[in-house]
């Protein structure tokens, strides 16, 4: 099943990249026209077995957003290791739309094609978030390849507490099957 999952990841991501290339092009132009800076945001995150991977996203924030995060720590709305602000002042107008529609996540199809990620699996966490883990059971999420979508995303996303998010990741790991992956993909769409 693991080999079949990898084959499906490869072929589905390849087909989606080709089919969605016009959307990629339009989005790239919108980002370039809307704000200065790079089109893509590349961030080091932890993948399978805590290996550092470069995760690709379309840029939704001002160019120096990561440097400005320290100034905004007091506004963090999530308990636990994650960092989330509902109305993050670093997000651009175009970025709000891209995030709401999850179009900003589409470049992760290249991560899937490359083998760093899967279509379905626990979301890859930034190194900063991992360093905030204070419970060993949270680290179990690194025993599988991270994914573009997961139980957390189809269960409420940012409205879910950090601990519930981690519990959903463990539920996915404990109950993984190709049928579960297909169900999550269908609900994501």
Protein backbone atom coordinates (compact mmCIF):
# COMPACT_ATOMS: atom_id res chain seq x y z
CA UNK A 1 0.00 0.00 0.00
CA UNK A 2 2.88 2.39 0.72
CA UNK A 3 4.31 1.85 -2.78
CA UNK A 4 0.87 2.31 -4.33
CA UNK A 5 0.40 5.53 -2.29
CA UNK A 6 3.71 6.88 -3.65
CA UNK A 7 2.76 5.95 -7.24
CA UNK A 8 -0.63 7.67 -6.86
CA UNK A 9 1.04 10.73 -5.32
CA UNK A 10 3.45 10.96 -8.25
CA UNK A 11 0.90 10.53 -11.04
CA UNK A 12 -1.88 12.62 -9.49
CA UNK A 13 0.50 15.50 -8.69
CA UNK A 14 1.96 15.38 -12.23
CA UNK A 15 -1.51 15.48 -13.80
CA UNK A 16 -2.64 18.29 -11.47
CA UNK A 17 0.47 20.36 -12.24
CA UNK A 18 -0.28 20.12 -15.97
CA UNK A 19 -4.02 20.77 -15.58
CA UNK A 20 -3.56 23.66 -13.16
CA UNK A 21 -0.71 25.35 -15.03
CA UNK A 22 -3.01 28.11 -16.42
CA UNK A 23 -4.17 28.87 -12.85
CA UNK A 24 -0.52 28.92 -11.71
CA UNK A 25 0.36 31.40 -14.43
CA UNK A 26 -2.57 33.73 -13.67
CA UNK A 27 -1.82 33.60 -9.94
CA UNK A 28 1.87 34.32 -10.48
CA UNK A 29 0.94 37.42 -12.51
CA UNK A 30 -1.52 38.59 -9.84
CA UNK A 31 1.11 38.26 -7.10
CA UNK A 32 3.68 40.15 -9.19
CA UNK A 33 1.23 42.95 -9.96
CA UNK A 34 -0.09 43.21 -6.40
CA UNK A 35 3.13 43.53 -4.41
CA UNK A 36 6.90 43.64 -4.82
CA UNK A 37 9.00 40.62 -3.95
CA UNK A 38 9.29 37.00 -4.98
CA UNK A 39 6.32 34.99 -6.24
CA UNK A 40 7.18 31.89 -4.27
CA UNK A 41 7.69 31.49 -0.54
CA UNK A 42 10.09 28.70 0.37
CA UNK A 43 10.26 27.63 3.99
CA UNK A 44 12.29 24.97 5.78
CA UNK A 45 9.97 22.49 7.42
CA UNK A 46 10.31 19.04 8.92
CA UNK A 47 9.30 16.03 6.87
CA UNK A 48 9.53 12.27 7.25
CA UNK A 49 11.87 11.32 10.12
CA UNK A 50 12.34 15.04 10.94
CA UNK A 51 14.36 15.58 7.76
CA UNK A 52 14.43 19.23 6.74
CA UNK A 53 12.65 19.90 3.47
CA UNK A 54 11.98 23.07 1.48
CA UNK A 55 8.23 23.53 1.17
CA UNK A 56 6.98 25.68 -1.71
CA UNK A 57 4.00 28.01 -1.50
CA UNK A 58 2.79 31.03 -3.43
CA UNK A 59 3.71 34.13 -1.43
CA UNK A 60 0.73 35.54 0.46
CA UNK A 61 2.56 37.89 2.82
CA UNK A 62 4.81 40.92 2.60
CA UNK A 63 8.39 39.97 1.57
CA UNK A 64 9.99 40.07 5.07
CA UNK A 65 7.08 38.41 6.91
CA UNK A 66 9.19 35.82 8.75
CA UNK A 67 11.46 38.51 10.18
CA UNK A 68 8.40 40.40 11.44
CA UNK A 69 6.94 37.35 13.21
CA UNK A 70 8.87 37.99 16.42
CA UNK A 71 7.18 41.40 16.74
CA UNK A 72 3.77 39.69 16.50
CA UNK A 73 4.32 36.78 18.93
CA UNK A 74 2.07 38.47 21.52
CA UNK A 75 -0.86 38.23 19.03
CA UNK A 76 -0.57 34.44 18.54
CA UNK A 77 -4.07 32.95 18.86
CA UNK A 78 -3.03 29.29 19.08
CA UNK A 79 -1.98 27.40 22.18
CA UNK A 80 0.92 25.02 21.69
CA UNK A 81 3.77 25.19 19.23
CA UNK A 82 1.98 26.69 16.21
CA UNK A 83 1.74 30.38 15.28
CA UNK A 84 -1.53 31.70 13.85
CA UNK A 85 -3.18 35.11 13.75
CA UNK A 86 -6.64 35.31 12.19
CA UNK A 87 -6.13 38.81 10.75
CA UNK A 88 -2.38 38.70 10.30
CA UNK A 89 -1.25 42.19 9.22
CA UNK A 90 1.53 40.67 7.08
CA UNK A 91 -0.93 39.09 4.63
CA UNK A 92 -1.43 40.96 1.34
CA UNK A 93 -4.86 41.57 -0.22
CA UNK A 94 -4.14 38.98 -2.94
CA UNK A 95 -2.74 36.70 -0.25
CA UNK A 96 -6.05 36.70 1.64
CA UNK A 97 -7.82 35.33 -1.43
CA UNK A 98 -5.09 32.78 -2.12
CA UNK A 99 -5.23 31.51 1.46
CA UNK A 100 -9.04 31.41 1.59
CA UNK A 101 -9.11 29.27 -1.56
CA UNK A 102 -5.88 27.35 -0.65
CA UNK A 103 -4.43 28.23 -4.07
CA UNK A 104 -1.24 29.25 -2.23
CA UNK A 105 -0.70 25.56 -1.40
CA UNK A 106 -0.66 24.36 -5.03
CA UNK A 107 3.14 24.60 -5.51
CA UNK A 108 3.38 21.84 -2.91
CA UNK A 109 2.40 19.53 -5.76
CA UNK A 110 6.08 19.88 -6.76
CA UNK A 111 7.04 18.72 -3.24
CA UNK A 112 4.81 15.67 -3.78
CA UNK A 113 6.29 14.99 -7.21
CA UNK A 114 9.78 15.21 -5.70
CA UNK A 115 8.86 12.78 -2.90
CA UNK A 116 9.30 15.16 0.06
CA UNK A 117 5.55 15.22 0.66
CA UNK A 118 2.43 13.21 -0.04
CA UNK A 119 -0.99 14.41 -1.14
CA UNK A 120 -2.36 13.29 2.25
CA UNK A 121 -0.52 13.27 5.58
CA UNK A 122 0.13 15.49 8.60
CA UNK A 123 0.94 19.05 7.52
CA UNK A 124 4.69 19.74 7.52
CA UNK A 125 5.56 22.05 10.40
CA UNK A 126 8.06 24.90 10.31
CA UNK A 127 11.22 24.21 12.29
CA UNK A 128 10.19 26.98 14.73
CA UNK A 129 6.95 25.15 15.58
CA UNK A 130 8.72 21.82 16.12
CA UNK A 131 11.10 23.46 18.57
CA UNK A 132 8.03 24.36 20.64
CA UNK A 133 6.88 20.73 21.01
CA UNK A 134 6.75 19.80 24.68
CA UNK A 135 5.18 16.35 24.43
CA UNK A 136 6.83 13.25 22.98
CA UNK A 137 3.62 11.93 21.41
CA UNK A 138 3.52 15.01 19.14
CA UNK A 139 6.76 13.84 17.52
CA UNK A 140 5.12 10.67 16.22
CA UNK A 141 3.72 12.72 13.35
CA UNK A 142 7.20 12.58 11.75
CA UNK A 143 6.88 8.81 11.24
CA UNK A 144 4.97 9.40 7.98
CA UNK A 145 5.52 11.63 4.97
CA UNK A 146 3.81 15.02 5.46
CA UNK A 147 0.93 15.96 3.19
CA UNK A 148 -0.80 18.84 1.44
CA UNK A 149 -4.08 17.92 3.12
CA UNK A 150 -5.01 15.95 6.22
CA UNK A 151 -7.75 15.26 8.75
CA UNK A 152 -7.01 18.61 10.42
CA UNK A 153 -7.74 20.53 7.21
CA UNK A 154 -11.07 18.83 6.56
CA UNK A 155 -12.11 19.06 10.23
CA UNK A 156 -11.98 22.80 10.75
CA UNK A 157 -8.40 23.92 10.14
CA UNK A 158 -7.56 27.06 12.11
CA UNK A 159 -10.66 26.68 14.31
CA UNK A 160 -9.13 23.59 15.94
CA UNK A 161 -6.87 23.72 18.98
CA UNK A 162 -3.23 22.67 18.66
CA UNK A 163 -3.74 19.55 20.82
CA UNK A 164 -6.78 18.47 18.77
CA UNK A 165 -4.73 19.02 15.60
CA UNK A 166 -2.03 16.69 16.95
CA UNK A 167 -4.68 14.13 17.98
CA UNK A 168 -6.09 14.15 14.43
CA UNK A 169 -2.57 13.54 13.07
CA UNK A 170 -2.21 10.52 15.39
CA UNK A 171 -5.67 9.28 14.34
CA UNK A 172 -4.55 9.48 10.70
CA UNK A 173 -1.30 7.60 11.41
CA UNK A 174 -3.08 4.88 13.43
CA UNK A 175 -5.86 4.35 10.87
CA UNK A 176 -4.04 5.02 7.59
CA UNK A 177 -5.27 3.30 4.44
CA UNK A 178 -5.63 4.23 0.79
CA UNK A 179 -9.39 4.45 1.33
CA UNK A 180 -8.85 7.01 4.12
CA UNK A 181 -6.53 9.00 1.82
CA UNK A 182 -9.13 9.02 -0.96
CA UNK A 183 -11.84 10.11 1.50
CA UNK A 184 -9.67 12.99 2.75
CA UNK A 185 -8.83 14.05 -0.83
CA UNK A 186 -12.53 14.02 -1.77
CA UNK A 187 -13.49 16.10 1.28
CA UNK A 188 -10.61 18.51 0.59
CA UNK A 189 -11.93 19.20 -2.90
